[in-house]
C-alpha atoms as a PDB file:
ATOM      1  CA  MET A   1       0.057  -0.254   0.002  1.00  0.00           C
ATOM      2  CA  THR A   2       1.026   3.257  -1.005  1.00  0.00           C
ATOM      3  CA  SER A   3       2.088   5.795   2.018  1.00  0.00           C
ATOM      4  CA  ILE A   4       0.182   9.189   2.526  1.00  0.00           C
ATOM      5  CA  PHE A   5       3.461  10.751   2.610  1.00  0.00           C
ATOM      6  CA  ALA A   6       4.623   9.720  -0.298  1.00  0.00           C
ATOM      7  CA  GLY A   7       5.962  12.762  -2.828  1.00  0.00           C
ATOM      8  CA  LYS A   8       5.044  14.756  -0.298  1.00  0.00           C
ATOM      9  CA  SER A   9       7.814  17.553   0.395  1.00  0.00           C
ATOM     10  CA  ILE A  10       7.286  17.833   5.184  1.00  0.00           C
ATOM     11  CA  ALA A  11       9.273  19.740   7.132  1.00  0.00           C
ATOM     12  CA  VAL A  12      10.835  18.387  10.188  1.00  0.00           C
ATOM     13  CA  THR A  13      11.449  20.663  12.618  1.00  0.00           C
ATOM     14  CA  LEU A  14      14.485  19.590  15.034  1.00  0.00           C
ATOM     15  CA  GLY A  15      16.968  20.775  17.281  1.00  0.00           C
ATOM     16  CA  GLY A  16      16.434  24.386  18.097  1.00  0.00           C
ATOM     17  CA  THR A  17      17.570  26.461  21.265  1.00  0.00           C
ATOM     18  CA  ALA A  18      15.969  24.741  24.495  1.00  0.00           C
ATOM     19  CA  ALA A  19      18.191  22.421  26.817  1.00  0.00           C
ATOM     20  CA  GLU A  20      16.332  19.420  25.640  1.00  0.00           C
ATOM     21  CA  ARG A  21      18.638  20.349  21.974  1.00  0.00           C
ATOM     22  CA  SER A  22      20.141  16.724  21.817  1.00  0.00           C
ATOM     23  CA  ILE A  23      16.848  14.723  22.395  1.00  0.00           C
ATOM     24  CA  SER A  24      15.058  16.807  20.128  1.00  0.00           C
ATOM     25  CA  LEU A  25      17.854  15.931  17.192  1.00  0.00           C
ATOM     26  CA  GLU A  26      17.118  12.525  18.024  1.00  0.00           C
ATOM     27  CA  SER A  27      13.681  12.587  18.080  1.00  0.00           C
ATOM     28  CA  GLY A  28      13.706  14.405  14.449  1.00  0.00           C
ATOM     29  CA  GLU A  29      16.117  12.054  13.051  1.00  0.00           C
ATOM     30  CA  ASN A  30      14.004   9.211  14.184  1.00  0.00           C
ATOM     31  CA  VAL A  31      10.973  10.431  12.305  1.00  0.00           C
ATOM     32  CA  ALA A  32      12.661  12.247   9.327  1.00  0.00           C
ATOM     33  CA  ARG A  33      13.973   8.949   8.369  1.00  0.00           C
ATOM     34  CA  VAL A  34      10.438   6.926   8.701  1.00  0.00           C
ATOM     35  CA  LEU A  35       9.108   9.677   6.204  1.00  0.00           C
ATOM     36  CA  GLU A  36      12.020   8.907   4.128  1.00  0.00           C
ATOM     37  CA  GLN A  37      11.251   5.340   3.691  1.00  0.00           C
ATOM     38  CA  ALA A  38       7.885   6.244   2.862  1.00  0.00           C
ATOM     39  CA  GLY A  39       8.399   8.128   0.380  1.00  0.00           C
ATOM     40  CA  ALA A  40       8.375  12.172   1.917  1.00  0.00           C
ATOM     41  CA  ASN A  41      10.926  14.686   0.458  1.00  0.00           C
ATOM     42  CA  VAL A  42      12.086  15.623   4.212  1.00  0.00           C
ATOM     43  CA  LEU A  43      13.570  19.312   5.330  1.00  0.00           C
ATOM     44  CA  ARG A  44      15.651  18.656   8.311  1.00  0.00           C
ATOM     45  CA  ILE A  45      15.181  22.327   9.459  1.00  0.00           C
ATOM     46  CA  ASP A  46      16.331  23.149  12.613  1.00  0.00           C
ATOM     47  CA  PRO A  47      15.966  27.076  14.339  1.00  0.00           C
ATOM     48  CA  ALA A  48      19.311  26.790  15.768  1.00  0.00           C
ATOM     49  CA  GLU A  49      20.139  27.802  11.846  1.00  0.00           C
ATOM     50  CA  SER A  50      19.868  31.424  10.196  1.00  0.00           C
ATOM     51  CA  GLY A  51      16.763  31.493   8.129  1.00  0.00           C
ATOM     52  CA  TRP A  52      15.325  28.262   8.954  1.00  0.00           C
ATOM     53  CA  PHE A  53      11.330  29.968   8.966  1.00  0.00           C
ATOM     54  CA  GLU A  54      11.878  30.645   5.301  1.00  0.00           C
ATOM     55  CA  ARG A  55      12.542  26.586   4.870  1.00  0.00           C
ATOM     56  CA  LEU A  56       9.349  26.172   6.045  1.00  0.00           C
ATOM     57  CA  SER A  57       7.491  27.656   2.780  1.00  0.00           C
ATOM     58  CA  GLU A  58       8.964  24.338   1.206  1.00  0.00           C
ATOM     59  CA  ALA A  59       7.213  21.814   2.803  1.00  0.00           C
ATOM     60  CA  SER A  60       3.087  21.001   2.487  1.00  0.00           C
ATOM     61  CA  PHE A  61       3.206  20.431   6.142  1.00  0.00           C
ATOM     62  CA  VAL A  62       5.404  20.176   9.606  1.00  0.00           C
ATOM     63  CA  PHE A  63       6.225  17.706  11.618  1.00  0.00           C
ATOM     64  CA  ASN A  64       7.244  19.191  14.854  1.00  0.00           C
ATOM     65  CA  LEU A  65       9.856  17.819  16.882  1.00  0.00           C
ATOM     66  CA  LEU A  66      11.454  20.948  19.138  1.00  0.00           C
ATOM     67  CA  HIS A  67      10.968  20.269  22.936  1.00  0.00           C
ATOM     68  CA  GLY A  68      10.886  22.502  25.777  1.00  0.00           C
ATOM     69  CA  PRO A  69      10.643  26.366  25.353  1.00  0.00           C
ATOM     70  CA  GLY A  70      10.625  27.249  21.565  1.00  0.00           C
ATOM     71  CA  GLY A  71       9.185  24.800  20.461  1.00  0.00           C
ATOM     72  CA  GLU A  72       6.988  23.295  22.563  1.00  0.00           C
ATOM     73  CA  ASP A  73       5.512  26.432  24.439  1.00  0.00           C
ATOM     74  CA  GLY A  74       3.187  27.811  21.293  1.00  0.00           C
ATOM     75  CA  THR A  75       6.164  30.125  20.205  1.00  0.00           C
ATOM     76  CA  VAL A  76       6.693  27.766  16.936  1.00  0.00           C
ATOM     77  CA  GLN A  77       3.114  26.910  16.825  1.00  0.00           C
ATOM     78  CA  GLY A  78       2.016  30.403  16.513  1.00  0.00           C
ATOM     79  CA  LEU A  79       4.832  30.994  13.392  1.00  0.00           C
ATOM     80  CA  PHE A  80       3.414  28.035  11.550  1.00  0.00           C
ATOM     81  CA  GLU A  81      -0.098  29.699  12.358  1.00  0.00           C
ATOM     82  CA  LEU A  82       0.881  32.894  10.479  1.00  0.00           C
ATOM     83  CA  MET A  83       2.425  31.256   7.817  1.00  0.00           C
ATOM     84  CA  SER A  84      -0.874  29.082   7.011  1.00  0.00           C
ATOM     85  CA  ARG A  85       1.215  25.913   7.293  1.00  0.00           C
ATOM     86  CA  PRO A  86      -0.357  22.915   8.727  1.00  0.00           C
ATOM     87  CA  TYR A  87       1.586  21.337  11.509  1.00  0.00           C
ATOM     88  CA  SER A  88       1.420  18.614  13.801  1.00  0.00           C
ATOM     89  CA  GLY A  89       0.021  18.777  17.120  1.00  0.00           C
ATOM     90  CA  SER A  90      -1.755  21.240  19.532  1.00  0.00           C
ATOM     91  CA  GLY A  91      -2.070  24.791  18.482  1.00  0.00           C
ATOM     92  CA  VAL A  92      -1.178  27.554  20.747  1.00  0.00           C
ATOM     93  CA  LEU A  93      -3.517  27.672  23.676  1.00  0.00           C
ATOM     94  CA  GLY A  94      -2.791  23.855  24.465  1.00  0.00           C
ATOM     95  CA  SER A  95       1.047  24.285  23.379  1.00  0.00           C
ATOM     96  CA  ALA A  96       1.077  27.445  26.136  1.00  0.00           C
ATOM     97  CA  LEU A  97      -0.481  26.139  28.700  1.00  0.00           C
ATOM     98  CA  THR A  98       0.990  22.588  29.024  1.00  0.00           C
ATOM     99  CA  MET A  99       4.016  23.857  29.255  1.00  0.00           C
ATOM    100  CA  ASP A 100       3.667  26.187  32.358  1.00  0.00           C
ATOM    101  CA  LYS A 101       3.681  22.956  34.769  1.00  0.00           C
ATOM    102  CA  ILE A 102       1.947  26.246  37.452  1.00  0.00           C
ATOM    103  CA  ARG A 103      -0.709  27.429  35.496  1.00  0.00           C
ATOM    104  CA  THR A 104      -1.313  23.725  34.207  1.00  0.00           C
ATOM    105  CA  LYS A 105      -1.657  22.819  37.447  1.00  0.00           C
ATOM    106  CA  LEU A 106      -4.194  25.715  38.787  1.00  0.00           C
ATOM    107  CA  LEU A 107      -6.626  24.487  35.557  1.00  0.00           C
ATOM    108  CA  TRP A 108      -6.893  20.778  36.855  1.00  0.00           C
ATOM    109  CA  GLN A 109      -7.210  22.062  40.657  1.00  0.00           C
ATOM    110  CA  GLY A 110     -10.073  24.562  39.740  1.00  0.00           C
ATOM    111  CA  ALA A 111     -11.908  21.510  37.673  1.00  0.00           C
ATOM    112  CA  GLY A 112     -11.348  19.230  40.001  1.00  0.00           C
ATOM    113  CA  LEU A 113      -8.975  16.555  39.013  1.00  0.00           C
ATOM    114  CA  PRO A 114      -6.339  15.647  41.234  1.00  0.00           C
ATOM    115  CA  THR A 115      -2.315  16.633  41.101  1.00  0.00           C
ATOM    116  CA  PRO A 116       0.061  16.864  43.983  1.00  0.00           C
ATOM    117  CA  ARG A 117      -0.451  19.952  46.423  1.00  0.00           C
ATOM    118  CA  PHE A 118       2.205  22.819  45.092  1.00  0.00           C
ATOM    119  CA  VAL A 119       3.598  26.129  46.066  1.00  0.00           C
ATOM    120  CA  SER A 120       5.070  28.606  43.841  1.00  0.00           C
ATOM    121  CA  LEU A 121       8.499  29.605  44.641  1.00  0.00           C
ATOM    122  CA  SER A 122      10.574  33.640  44.694  1.00  0.00           C
ATOM    123  CA  ALA A 123      13.358  34.683  46.294  1.00  0.00           C
ATOM    124  CA  GLN A 124      11.834  36.309  49.011  1.00  0.00           C
ATOM    125  CA  THR A 125      10.007  32.728  50.119  1.00  0.00           C
ATOM    126  CA  ASP A 126       9.948  31.505  53.906  1.00  0.00           C
ATOM    127  CA  TRP A 127      11.725  28.432  52.874  1.00  0.00           C
ATOM    128  CA  SER A 128      10.826  26.917  55.920  1.00  0.00           C
ATOM    129  CA  ALA A 129       7.363  27.322  55.832  1.00  0.00           C
ATOM    130  CA  VAL A 130       7.429  25.951  52.523  1.00  0.00           C
ATOM    131  CA  ILE A 131       8.626  22.353  53.804  1.00  0.00           C
ATOM    132  CA  ALA A 132       6.209  22.878  56.745  1.00  0.00           C
ATOM    133  CA  ASP A 133       3.720  23.062  54.579  1.00  0.00           C
ATOM    134  CA  LEU A 134       4.447  20.590  52.205  1.00  0.00           C
ATOM    135  CA  GLY A 135       7.128  18.312  53.642  1.00  0.00           C
ATOM    136  CA  THR A 136       9.295  16.592  51.236  1.00  0.00           C
ATOM    137  CA  ALA A 137       8.769  18.307  47.572  1.00  0.00           C
ATOM    138  CA  PHE A 138      10.083  18.319  44.146  1.00  0.00           C
ATOM    139  CA  VAL A 139      11.130  21.867  43.293  1.00  0.00           C
ATOM    140  CA  LYS A 140      10.843  21.923  39.548  1.00  0.00           C
ATOM    141  CA  PRO A 141      11.444  25.337  37.054  1.00  0.00           C
ATOM    142  CA  ALA A 142       7.728  25.357  35.832  1.00  0.00           C
ATOM    143  CA  LEU A 143       8.314  25.514  32.217  1.00  0.00           C
ATOM    144  CA  GLU A 144      11.103  23.302  31.758  1.00  0.00           C
ATOM    145  CA  GLY A 145      10.635  19.712  30.682  1.00  0.00           C
ATOM    146  CA  SER A 146      13.042  16.298  30.913  1.00  0.00           C
ATOM    147  CA  SER A 147      13.152  16.739  34.282  1.00  0.00           C
ATOM    148  CA  LEU A 148      15.720  19.553  33.497  1.00  0.00           C
ATOM    149  CA  GLY A 149      16.939  21.868  36.805  1.00  0.00           C
ATOM    150  CA  MET A 150      14.178  19.361  39.090  1.00  0.00           C
ATOM    151  CA  THR A 151      15.323  18.679  42.659  1.00  0.00           C
ATOM    152  CA  LYS A 152      14.278  16.265  45.694  1.00  0.00           C
ATOM    153  CA  VAL A 153      13.979  18.390  48.699  1.00  0.00           C
ATOM    154  CA  SER A 154      13.143  17.895  52.446  1.00  0.00           C
ATOM    155  CA  GLY A 155      14.835  20.882  54.582  1.00  0.00           C
ATOM    156  CA  ASP A 156      14.257  24.524  54.218  1.00  0.00           C
ATOM    157  CA  ALA A 157      18.614  24.825  53.307  1.00  0.00           C
ATOM    158  CA  ALA A 158      18.171  22.256  50.748  1.00  0.00           C
ATOM    159  CA  LEU A 159      14.979  24.156  48.992  1.00  0.00           C
ATOM    160  CA  ARG A 160      16.674  27.225  48.732  1.00  0.00           C
ATOM    161  CA  VAL A 161      19.483  25.803  46.804  1.00  0.00           C
ATOM    162  CA  ALA A 162      16.905  24.072  44.501  1.00  0.00           C
ATOM    163  CA  TYR A 163      15.216  27.004  43.595  1.00  0.00           C
ATOM    164  CA  GLU A 164      18.703  28.874  42.758  1.00  0.00           C
ATOM    165  CA  ARG A 165      19.624  25.541  40.353  1.00  0.00           C
ATOM    166  CA  ALA A 166      15.749  26.037  38.750  1.00  0.00           C
ATOM    167  CA  VAL A 167      15.234  29.302  39.101  1.00  0.00           C
ATOM    168  CA  ALA A 168      18.841  29.287  36.085  1.00  0.00           C
ATOM    169  CA  TYR A 169      16.363  27.787  33.382  1.00  0.00           C
ATOM    170  CA  GLY A 170      14.310  30.978  33.517  1.00  0.00           C
ATOM    171  CA  GLY A 171      11.040  31.357  34.286  1.00  0.00           C
ATOM    172  CA  ASN A 172       8.997  30.445  37.538  1.00  0.00           C
ATOM    173  CA  VAL A 173       9.697  28.130  40.229  1.00  0.00           C
ATOM    174  CA  LEU A 174       7.407  25.291  42.064  1.00  0.00           C
ATOM    175  CA  ALA A 175       7.765  23.363  45.019  1.00  0.00           C
ATOM    176  CA  GLU A 176       5.372  20.719  44.445  1.00  0.00           C
ATOM    177  CA  GLN A 177       4.372  17.840  47.400  1.00  0.00           C
ATOM    178  CA  PHE A 178       6.379  14.396  46.925  1.00  0.00           C
ATOM    179  CA  ILE A 179       3.484  11.866  46.609  1.00  0.00           C
ATOM    180  CA  ALA A 180       5.455   7.986  47.557  1.00  0.00           C
ATOM    181  CA  GLY A 181       4.466   5.330  44.535  1.00  0.00           C
ATOM    182  CA  GLN A 182       4.500   4.223  41.488  1.00  0.00           C
ATOM    183  CA  GLU A 183       4.700   6.361  38.402  1.00  0.00           C
ATOM    184  CA  TYR A 184       3.044   5.965  34.933  1.00  0.00           C
ATOM    185  CA  THR A 185       2.282   7.543  31.330  1.00  0.00           C
ATOM    186  CA  VAL A 186      -0.068   7.618  29.257  1.00  0.00           C
ATOM    187  CA  ALA A 187       0.190   8.286  25.564  1.00  0.00           C
ATOM    188  CA  ILE A 188      -2.550  10.125  23.764  1.00  0.00           C
ATOM    189  CA  LEU A 189      -3.066   9.692  20.026  1.00  0.00           C
ATOM    190  CA  GLY A 190      -5.891  11.328  18.178  1.00  0.00           C
ATOM    191  CA  ASP A 191      -9.229  10.489  20.296  1.00  0.00           C
ATOM    192  CA  ARG A 192      -7.735   7.900  22.256  1.00  0.00           C
ATOM    193  CA  ALA A 193      -5.290   6.717  25.040  1.00  0.00           C
ATOM    194  CA  LEU A 194      -2.476   4.353  24.137  1.00  0.00           C
ATOM    195  CA  PRO A 195      -1.762   1.003  26.710  1.00  0.00           C
ATOM    196  CA  SER A 196       0.042   3.110  29.968  1.00  0.00           C
ATOM    197  CA  ILE A 197       3.515   2.380  31.082  1.00  0.00           C
ATOM    198  CA  HIS A 198       4.977   1.632  34.435  1.00  0.00           C
ATOM    199  CA  ILE A 199       8.537   3.558  35.264  1.00  0.00           C
ATOM    200  CA  GLU A 200      10.743   1.859  37.344  1.00  0.00           C
ATOM    201  CA  ALA A 201      14.113   4.413  38.020  1.00  0.00           C
ATOM    202  CA  PRO A 202      16.813   3.040  40.207  1.00  0.00           C
ATOM    203  CA  GLY A 203      17.666   6.852  41.318  1.00  0.00           C
ATOM    204  CA  ASP A 204      15.474   8.533  43.848  1.00  0.00           C
ATOM    205  CA  PHE A 205      13.285   9.836  41.084  1.00  0.00           C
ATOM    206  CA  TYR A 206      12.598   9.474  37.282  1.00  0.00           C
ATOM    207  CA  ASP A 207      15.292  12.667  36.224  1.00  0.00           C
ATOM    208  CA  PHE A 208      16.914  13.246  33.231  1.00  0.00           C
ATOM    209  CA  ASP A 209      19.800  10.547  33.493  1.00  0.00           C
ATOM    210  CA  ALA A 210      16.941   7.916  34.255  1.00  0.00           C
ATOM    211  CA  LYS A 211      14.957   9.379  31.494  1.00  0.00           C
ATOM    212  CA  TYR A 212      18.101   9.238  28.713  1.00  0.00           C
ATOM    213  CA  LEU A 213      21.427   7.643  29.842  1.00  0.00           C
ATOM    214  CA  SER A 214      20.635   5.019  32.596  1.00  0.00           C
ATOM    215  CA  GLU A 215      20.517   1.302  31.727  1.00  0.00           C
ATOM    216  CA  GLU A 216      18.495   0.602  34.740  1.00  0.00           C
ATOM    217  CA  THR A 217      15.586   2.321  34.105  1.00  0.00           C
ATOM    218  CA  ARG A 218      12.516   0.107  34.182  1.00  0.00           C
ATOM    219  CA  PHE A 219       9.028   0.430  31.562  1.00  0.00           C
ATOM    220  CA  THR A 220       6.680  -2.071  31.471  1.00  0.00           C
ATOM    221  CA  CYS A 221       4.202  -1.857  28.677  1.00  0.00           C
ATOM    222  CA  PRO A 222       1.646  -2.987  29.118  1.00  0.00           C
ATOM    223  CA  SER A 223       1.898  -1.772  33.003  1.00  0.00           C
ATOM    224  CA  GLY A 224       0.124  -4.790  34.188  1.00  0.00           C
ATOM    225  CA  LEU A 225      -2.739  -2.746  35.450  1.00  0.00           C
ATOM    226  CA  SER A 226      -6.184  -4.580  35.605  1.00  0.00           C
ATOM    227  CA  GLN A 227      -8.738  -3.836  32.721  1.00  0.00           C
ATOM    228  CA  ALA A 228     -10.692  -1.336  35.329  1.00  0.00           C
ATOM    229  CA  GLU A 229      -7.867   0.487  36.446  1.00  0.00           C
ATOM    230  CA  GLU A 230      -6.672   0.848  32.824  1.00  0.00           C
ATOM    231  CA  THR A 231      -9.805   2.347  31.850  1.00  0.00           C
ATOM    232  CA  ASP A 232      -9.900   4.817  34.590  1.00  0.00           C
ATOM    233  CA  LEU A 233      -6.197   5.858  34.103  1.00  0.00           C
ATOM    234  CA  ALA A 234      -7.272   6.154  30.535  1.00  0.00           C
ATOM    235  CA  ALA A 235     -10.500   8.551  31.061  1.00  0.00           C
ATOM    236  CA  LEU A 236      -8.434  10.100  33.631  1.00  0.00           C
ATOM    237  CA  ALA A 237      -5.411  11.102  31.099  1.00  0.00           C
ATOM    238  CA  LEU A 238      -7.578  11.527  28.415  1.00  0.00           C
ATOM    239  CA  GLN A 239      -9.518  14.064  30.556  1.00  0.00           C
ATOM    240  CA  ALA A 240      -6.526  16.266  32.076  1.00  0.00           C
ATOM    241  CA  PHE A 241      -5.081  16.271  27.753  1.00  0.00           C
ATOM    242  CA  ARG A 242      -8.426  18.004  26.779  1.00  0.00           C
ATOM    243  CA  LEU A 243      -9.293  20.258  29.474  1.00  0.00           C
ATOM    244  CA  ALA A 244      -5.683  21.379  28.959  1.00  0.00           C
ATOM    245  CA  GLY A 245      -6.737  22.650  25.169  1.00  0.00           C
ATOM    246  CA  CYS A 246      -3.995  19.973  24.017  1.00  0.00           C
ATOM    247  CA  GLN A 247      -4.708  18.244  20.773  1.00  0.00           C
ATOM    248  CA  VAL A 248      -4.023  15.400  18.010  1.00  0.00           C
ATOM    249  CA  TRP A 249      -0.978  13.795  20.733  1.00  0.00           C
ATOM    250  CA  GLY A 250       0.818  14.159  23.538  1.00  0.00           C
ATOM    251  CA  ARG A 251       1.661  12.330  26.934  1.00  0.00           C
ATOM    252  CA  VAL A 252      -0.079  12.765  30.566  1.00  0.00           C
ATOM    253  CA  ASP A 253       2.261  11.926  33.494  1.00  0.00           C
ATOM    254  CA  LEU A 254       0.860  10.443  36.666  1.00  0.00           C
ATOM    255  CA  ILE A 255       2.032   9.227  40.315  1.00  0.00           C
ATOM    256  CA  ARG A 256       0.003   6.363  41.467  1.00  0.00           C
ATOM    257  CA  ASP A 257       0.028   6.401  45.611  1.00  0.00           C
ATOM    258  CA  HIS A 258       0.013   3.875  48.214  1.00  0.00           C
ATOM    259  CA  SER A 259      -3.811   4.209  48.515  1.00  0.00           C
ATOM    260  CA  GLY A 260      -4.533   3.284  44.634  1.00  0.00           C
ATOM    261  CA  SER A 261      -5.365   7.047  43.992  1.00  0.00           C
ATOM    262  CA  TRP A 262      -4.007   8.919  40.780  1.00  0.00           C
ATOM    263  CA  GLN A 263      -2.394  12.642  40.749  1.00  0.00           C
ATOM    264  CA  LEU A 264      -1.577  14.193  37.640  1.00  0.00           C
ATOM    265  CA  LEU A 265       1.600  15.558  37.433  1.00  0.00           C
ATOM    266  CA  GLU A 266       2.549  17.336  33.821  1.00  0.00           C
ATOM    267  CA  VAL A 267       1.270  16.885  30.285  1.00  0.00           C
ATOM    268  CA  ASN A 268       4.316  16.589  27.542  1.00  0.00           C
ATOM    269  CA  THR A 269       2.619  18.362  24.239  1.00  0.00           C
ATOM    270  CA  VAL A 270       5.911  17.369  22.114  1.00  0.00           C
ATOM    271  CA  PRO A 271       6.850  13.898  23.577  1.00  0.00           C
ATOM    272  CA  GLY A 272       9.955  12.623  22.446  1.00  0.00           C
ATOM    273  CA  MET A 273      10.026  10.169  19.749  1.00  0.00           C
ATOM    274  CA  THR A 274      13.656   8.348  19.813  1.00  0.00           C
ATOM    275  CA  SER A 275      13.936   5.040  19.487  1.00  0.00           C
ATOM    276  CA  HIS A 276      13.556   4.167  23.068  1.00  0.00           C
ATOM    277  CA  SER A 277      10.917   6.814  23.732  1.00  0.00           C
ATOM    278  CA  LEU A 278       7.291   5.693  24.911  1.00  0.00           C
ATOM    279  CA  VAL A 279       5.310   6.825  22.795  1.00  0.00           C
ATOM    280  CA  PRO A 280       6.905   4.562  20.524  1.00  0.00           C
ATOM    281  CA  MET A 281       6.486   1.598  23.201  1.00  0.00           C
ATOM    282  CA  ALA A 282       3.015   2.192  23.664  1.00  0.00           C
ATOM    283  CA  ALA A 283       2.405   2.529  19.866  1.00  0.00           C
ATOM    284  CA  ARG A 284       4.276  -1.166  19.481  1.00  0.00           C
ATOM    285  CA  ALA A 285       2.375  -2.568  22.843  1.00  0.00           C
ATOM    286  CA  ALA A 286      -1.051  -1.247  20.957  1.00  0.00           C
ATOM    287  CA  GLY A 287       0.275  -2.585  17.831  1.00  0.00           C
ATOM    288  CA  LEU A 288       1.009   0.170  15.055  1.00  0.00           C
ATOM    289  CA  SER A 289       4.654   1.097  14.072  1.00  0.00           C
ATOM    290  CA  LEU A 290       6.450   4.841  13.949  1.00  0.00           C
ATOM    291  CA  LEU A 291       4.513   4.757  10.387  1.00  0.00           C
ATOM    292  CA  GLU A 292       1.341   4.123  11.502  1.00  0.00           C
ATOM    293  CA  VAL A 293       1.309   6.733  14.457  1.00  0.00           C
ATOM    294  CA  LEU A 294       2.466   9.321  12.507  1.00  0.00           C
ATOM    295  CA  THR A 295      -0.045   9.087  10.167  1.00  0.00           C
ATOM    296  CA  GLU A 296      -2.739   9.223  12.611  1.00  0.00           C
ATOM    297  CA  ILE A 297      -1.093  12.272  13.959  1.00  0.00           C
ATOM    298  CA  PHE A 298      -1.129  13.552  10.197  1.00  0.00           C
ATOM    299  CA  HIS A 299      -4.706  13.002   9.878  1.00  0.00           C
ATOM    300  CA  PHE A 300      -5.551  14.181  13.388  1.00  0.00           C
ATOM    301  CA  SER A 301      -3.693  17.448  12.946  1.00  0.00           C
ATOM    302  CA  GLU A 302      -5.053  18.244  10.015  1.00  0.00           C
ATOM    303  CA  ARG A 303      -8.702  17.970  11.788  1.00  0.00           C
ATOM    304  CA  ALA A 304      -7.423  19.870  14.089  1.00  0.00           C
ATOM    305  CA  ARG A 305      -6.430  23.094  11.914  1.00  0.00           C
ATOM    306  CA  ARG A 306      -9.348  23.140  10.268  1.00  0.00           C
ATOM    307  CA  GLY A 307     -11.148  23.004  13.859  1.00  0.00           C
ATOM    308  CA  GLU A 308     -12.670  19.687  13.774  1.00  0.00           C
ATOM    309  CA  GLY A 309     -11.315  18.979  17.626  1.00  0.00           C
END
């Protein structure tokens, strides 16, 4: 069967200038190779290079694999909109909102969805009061992904140091209450959730090294949940994703506490697409090849750009 990409000029945006550049290059290259094998004429476009946006006019569609600020925060989506260039994934609103962990959590809290308590931090924060309120907490830059700048703390002195580390990434910083439990992630593709993944990291938490470097991190997919639990988890992930204005594809990260209750952590609107990334892993468990995933992303993106959801 002939691929829908055969003969099409497709841009793949990759790299960029954010802290996740190296992962974006790998994600983009993996996608570009699959598209080329499917017969597409692929333009690899790196925003770190001058004149990159002018090359977008040569493409009929853009697969955006830029991770982090500039690529996942509504900025480049706005450019695609101005150029009337169809593109993959969430639009400006969903991208911008979910890039900001604080605003995403405020939205979920307002809708009554479960997410760990948190405090916004500043240089004037009363560190001891935060620890007294939250106990052990994760300090996170509000506008970064891949656990960059993230630290687990349980004392006021450590909290201040963690804040200084996180604020160096720019933007606001939050301290989120530590929830003891098991970490899961749910990939979203179009109108459905793919099989969940159970993540077991070797260290204190699922940090950058555990995500991309460690050989000891374990991923189980399907995750071992019962059918009823899987159904409930999928419904919660889809609700959280859609409530935040997200579309087409993405990933929702959660913690299951020791009582069995779910707590929402964050949404990724441009997840990794390397050969070892979690969305391709969930897709394989659902019987989908990466080409089939890209085909669905393409179709759902075209519907989203037409305002059909």
